[in-house]
Amino acid sequence: MRASLIDPEASKESAERRMDDFQAAVKAIAARVGATDVNAVGTPISAFKTNYSSVLRRVKSGSVEIVNQGPEPFIILGLDQAVALMSNTVSDRTVAEVFAGLPSVSASGKLPRDVSIEAVDHYRVPR
């Protein structure tokens, strides 16, 4: 048997670590937007499809909601929460940079040399 096959236990640990990181990110986002509640368990996509209005009502009242599509969780933020997330960050960052956790790029149109279009930078948002 080849030694390079993926160890199922290592894959399980990696998935658990990703979920721990996701939960930490959700808590950080909730703290930044001043959320009143966090749905840490998540709503299955089937329940969201049939009862989306109650989930969106909770978001509107200040909750950060998670919707699970199979094993993949998604965060739902409302308009006020997204604006609050932006107001708590450096003013010259774009929304895409905030959500991706990327370095700041000036919104003035003048790009620093290290993030200009000609520069190779894997942290830069593609245009």
C-alpha atoms as a PDB file:
ATOM      1  CA  MET A   1       0.000   0.000   0.000  1.00  0.00           C
ATOM      2  CA  ARG A   2       1.252   3.476  -0.818  1.00  0.00           C
ATOM      3  CA  ALA A   3       2.420   5.637   2.077  1.00  0.00           C
ATOM      4  CA  SER A   4       1.014   8.779   0.452  1.00  0.00           C
ATOM      5  CA  LEU A   5      -2.642   7.818   0.934  1.00  0.00           C
ATOM      6  CA  ILE A   6      -4.549  10.252   3.097  1.00  0.00           C
ATOM      7  CA  ASP A   7      -4.982   9.103   6.670  1.00  0.00           C
ATOM      8  CA  PRO A   8      -8.720   9.153   7.546  1.00  0.00           C
ATOM      9  CA  GLU A   9      -7.934  10.219  11.113  1.00  0.00           C
ATOM     10  CA  ALA A  10      -5.850  13.156   9.876  1.00  0.00           C
ATOM     11  CA  SER A  11      -8.683  14.163   7.571  1.00  0.00           C
ATOM     12  CA  LYS A  12     -11.142  13.982  10.481  1.00  0.00           C
ATOM     13  CA  GLU A  13      -8.858  16.130  12.644  1.00  0.00           C
ATOM     14  CA  SER A  14      -8.529  18.633   9.800  1.00  0.00           C
ATOM     15  CA  ALA A  15     -12.324  18.863   9.439  1.00  0.00           C
ATOM     16  CA  GLU A  16     -12.717  19.312  13.193  1.00  0.00           C
ATOM     17  CA  ARG A  17     -10.055  22.017  13.182  1.00  0.00           C
ATOM     18  CA  ARG A  18     -11.836  23.802  10.299  1.00  0.00           C
ATOM     19  CA  MET A  19     -15.111  23.704  12.244  1.00  0.00           C
ATOM     20  CA  ASP A  20     -13.381  25.056  15.355  1.00  0.00           C
ATOM     21  CA  ASP A  21     -11.897  27.852  13.245  1.00  0.00           C
ATOM     22  CA  PHE A  22     -15.329  28.532  11.736  1.00  0.00           C
ATOM     23  CA  GLN A  23     -16.965  28.739  15.172  1.00  0.00           C
ATOM     24  CA  ALA A  24     -14.236  31.137  16.330  1.00  0.00           C
ATOM     25  CA  ALA A  25     -14.793  33.265  13.219  1.00  0.00           C
ATOM     26  CA  VAL A  26     -18.555  33.350  13.839  1.00  0.00           C
ATOM     27  CA  LYS A  27     -17.984  34.488  17.430  1.00  0.00           C
ATOM     28  CA  ALA A  28     -15.562  37.183  16.243  1.00  0.00           C
ATOM     29  CA  ILE A  29     -18.016  38.430  13.619  1.00  0.00           C
ATOM     30  CA  ALA A  30     -20.847  38.439  16.170  1.00  0.00           C
ATOM     31  CA  ALA A  31     -18.738  40.490  18.558  1.00  0.00           C
ATOM     32  CA  ARG A  32     -17.775  42.961  15.826  1.00  0.00           C
ATOM     33  CA  VAL A  33     -21.345  43.550  14.677  1.00  0.00           C
ATOM     34  CA  GLY A  34     -22.823  43.595  18.188  1.00  0.00           C
ATOM     35  CA  ALA A  35     -25.051  40.569  17.623  1.00  0.00           C
ATOM     36  CA  THR A  36     -27.682  39.884  20.253  1.00  0.00           C
ATOM     37  CA  ASP A  37     -27.635  36.129  19.588  1.00  0.00           C
ATOM     38  CA  VAL A  38     -25.680  33.539  17.599  1.00  0.00           C
ATOM     39  CA  ASN A  39     -27.264  30.418  16.162  1.00  0.00           C
ATOM     40  CA  ALA A  40     -24.159  28.253  16.657  1.00  0.00           C
ATOM     41  CA  VAL A  41     -25.908  24.967  15.857  1.00  0.00           C
ATOM     42  CA  GLY A  42     -27.189  26.184  12.529  1.00  0.00           C
ATOM     43  CA  THR A  43     -30.368  25.646  10.570  1.00  0.00           C
ATOM     44  CA  PRO A  44     -30.439  22.809   8.032  1.00  0.00           C
ATOM     45  CA  ILE A  45     -31.012  24.038   4.483  1.00  0.00           C
ATOM     46  CA  SER A  46     -34.263  22.049   4.259  1.00  0.00           C
ATOM     47  CA  ALA A  47     -35.660  23.894   7.292  1.00  0.00           C
ATOM     48  CA  PHE A  48     -34.380  27.198   5.910  1.00  0.00           C
ATOM     49  CA  LYS A  49     -36.157  26.588   2.583  1.00  0.00           C
ATOM     50  CA  THR A  50     -39.499  25.971   4.268  1.00  0.00           C
ATOM     51  CA  ASN A  51     -39.219  28.585   7.014  1.00  0.00           C
ATOM     52  CA  TYR A  52     -36.773  31.204   5.744  1.00  0.00           C
ATOM     53  CA  SER A  53     -38.865  34.100   7.039  1.00  0.00           C
ATOM     54  CA  SER A  54     -38.267  33.165  10.689  1.00  0.00           C
ATOM     55  CA  VAL A  55     -34.497  32.880  10.102  1.00  0.00           C
ATOM     56  CA  LEU A  56     -34.424  36.251   8.333  1.00  0.00           C
ATOM     57  CA  ARG A  57     -36.564  37.771  11.110  1.00  0.00           C
ATOM     58  CA  ARG A  58     -33.972  36.613  13.667  1.00  0.00           C
ATOM     59  CA  VAL A  59     -31.215  38.157  11.526  1.00  0.00           C
ATOM     60  CA  LYS A  60     -33.149  41.420  11.340  1.00  0.00           C
ATOM     61  CA  SER A  61     -33.514  41.431  15.135  1.00  0.00           C
ATOM     62  CA  GLY A  62     -29.731  41.191  15.533  1.00  0.00           C
ATOM     63  CA  SER A  63     -28.892  37.487  15.463  1.00  0.00           C
ATOM     64  CA  VAL A  64     -26.074  35.979  13.423  1.00  0.00           C
ATOM     65  CA  GLU A  65     -27.504  32.882  11.761  1.00  0.00           C
ATOM     66  CA  ILE A  66     -25.794  29.826  10.330  1.00  0.00           C
ATOM     67  CA  VAL A  67     -27.413  27.709   7.618  1.00  0.00           C
ATOM     68  CA  ASN A  68     -25.989  24.251   7.009  1.00  0.00           C
ATOM     69  CA  GLN A  69     -26.061  22.715   3.546  1.00  0.00           C
ATOM     70  CA  GLY A  70     -24.869  19.212   4.306  1.00  0.00           C
ATOM     71  CA  PRO A  71     -21.584  19.546   6.188  1.00  0.00           C
ATOM     72  CA  GLU A  72     -20.922  23.074   4.848  1.00  0.00           C
ATOM     73  CA  PRO A  73     -22.043  25.986   7.085  1.00  0.00           C
ATOM     74  CA  PHE A  74     -22.905  29.468   5.776  1.00  0.00           C
ATOM     75  CA  ILE A  75     -23.259  32.705   7.753  1.00  0.00           C
ATOM     76  CA  ILE A  76     -26.226  34.992   7.152  1.00  0.00           C
ATOM     77  CA  LEU A  77     -25.768  38.656   8.017  1.00  0.00           C
ATOM     78  CA  GLY A  78     -28.305  41.424   7.603  1.00  0.00           C
ATOM     79  CA  LEU A  79     -27.730  44.840   6.074  1.00  0.00           C
ATOM     80  CA  ASP A  80     -27.186  46.532   9.432  1.00  0.00           C
ATOM     81  CA  GLN A  81     -24.723  43.827  10.459  1.00  0.00           C
ATOM     82  CA  ALA A  82     -22.728  44.137   7.233  1.00  0.00           C
ATOM     83  CA  VAL A  83     -22.596  47.909   7.648  1.00  0.00           C
ATOM     84  CA  ALA A  84     -21.528  47.478  11.288  1.00  0.00           C
ATOM     85  CA  LEU A  85     -18.830  45.058  10.167  1.00  0.00           C
ATOM     86  CA  MET A  86     -17.530  47.643   7.713  1.00  0.00           C
ATOM     87  CA  SER A  87     -17.665  50.514  10.212  1.00  0.00           C
ATOM     88  CA  ASN A  88     -15.533  48.549  12.675  1.00  0.00           C
ATOM     89  CA  THR A  89     -12.715  48.102  10.180  1.00  0.00           C
ATOM     90  CA  VAL A  90     -10.239  50.349   8.451  1.00  0.00           C
ATOM     91  CA  SER A  91     -12.221  52.706   6.226  1.00  0.00           C
ATOM     92  CA  ASP A  92     -10.181  52.079   3.079  1.00  0.00           C
ATOM     93  CA  ARG A  93     -10.878  48.319   2.930  1.00  0.00           C
ATOM     94  CA  THR A  94     -13.379  46.894   0.493  1.00  0.00           C
ATOM     95  CA  VAL A  95     -16.142  44.523   1.587  1.00  0.00           C
ATOM     96  CA  ALA A  96     -14.436  41.648  -0.233  1.00  0.00           C
ATOM     97  CA  GLU A  97     -11.209  42.322   1.674  1.00  0.00           C
ATOM     98  CA  VAL A  98     -12.987  42.412   5.015  1.00  0.00           C
ATOM     99  CA  PHE A  99     -14.747  39.111   4.379  1.00  0.00           C
ATOM    100  CA  ALA A 100     -11.633  37.475   2.986  1.00  0.00           C
ATOM    101  CA  GLY A 101      -9.362  38.889   5.714  1.00  0.00           C
ATOM    102  CA  LEU A 102      -7.057  40.387   3.131  1.00  0.00           C
ATOM    103  CA  PRO A 103      -4.596  43.233   3.611  1.00  0.00           C
ATOM    104  CA  SER A 104      -5.902  46.750   3.132  1.00  0.00           C
ATOM    105  CA  VAL A 105      -6.006  48.283  -0.318  1.00  0.00           C
ATOM    106  CA  SER A 106      -6.728  51.977  -0.552  1.00  0.00           C
ATOM    107  CA  ALA A 107     -10.156  52.847  -1.978  1.00  0.00           C
ATOM    108  CA  SER A 108      -8.705  56.051  -3.419  1.00  0.00           C
ATOM    109  CA  GLY A 109      -7.714  54.313  -6.630  1.00  0.00           C
ATOM    110  CA  LYS A 110      -3.979  54.626  -5.998  1.00  0.00           C
ATOM    111  CA  LEU A 111      -2.700  51.135  -5.376  1.00  0.00           C
ATOM    112  CA  PRO A 112       0.519  50.557  -3.491  1.00  0.00           C
ATOM    113  CA  ARG A 113       3.212  49.014  -5.625  1.00  0.00           C
ATOM    114  CA  ASP A 114       3.034  45.614  -3.911  1.00  0.00           C
ATOM    115  CA  VAL A 115      -0.659  45.165  -4.789  1.00  0.00           C
ATOM    116  CA  SER A 116      -0.722  46.773  -8.211  1.00  0.00           C
ATOM    117  CA  ILE A 117      -2.115  44.796 -11.133  1.00  0.00           C
ATOM    118  CA  GLU A 118       1.376  43.997 -12.410  1.00  0.00           C
ATOM    119  CA  ALA A 119       2.513  42.614  -9.049  1.00  0.00           C
ATOM    120  CA  VAL A 120       2.080  38.935  -8.251  1.00  0.00           C
ATOM    121  CA  ASP A 121       0.238  38.860  -4.937  1.00  0.00           C
ATOM    122  CA  HIS A 122      -1.897  35.896  -3.904  1.00  0.00           C
ATOM    123  CA  TYR A 123      -3.726  38.036  -1.319  1.00  0.00           C
ATOM    124  CA  ARG A 124      -5.032  40.521  -3.886  1.00  0.00           C
ATOM    125  CA  VAL A 125      -8.692  40.236  -4.914  1.00  0.00           C
ATOM    126  CA  PRO A 126      -8.895  39.437  -8.660  1.00  0.00           C
ATOM    127  CA  ARG A 127     -10.450  42.153 -10.807  1.00  0.00           C
END
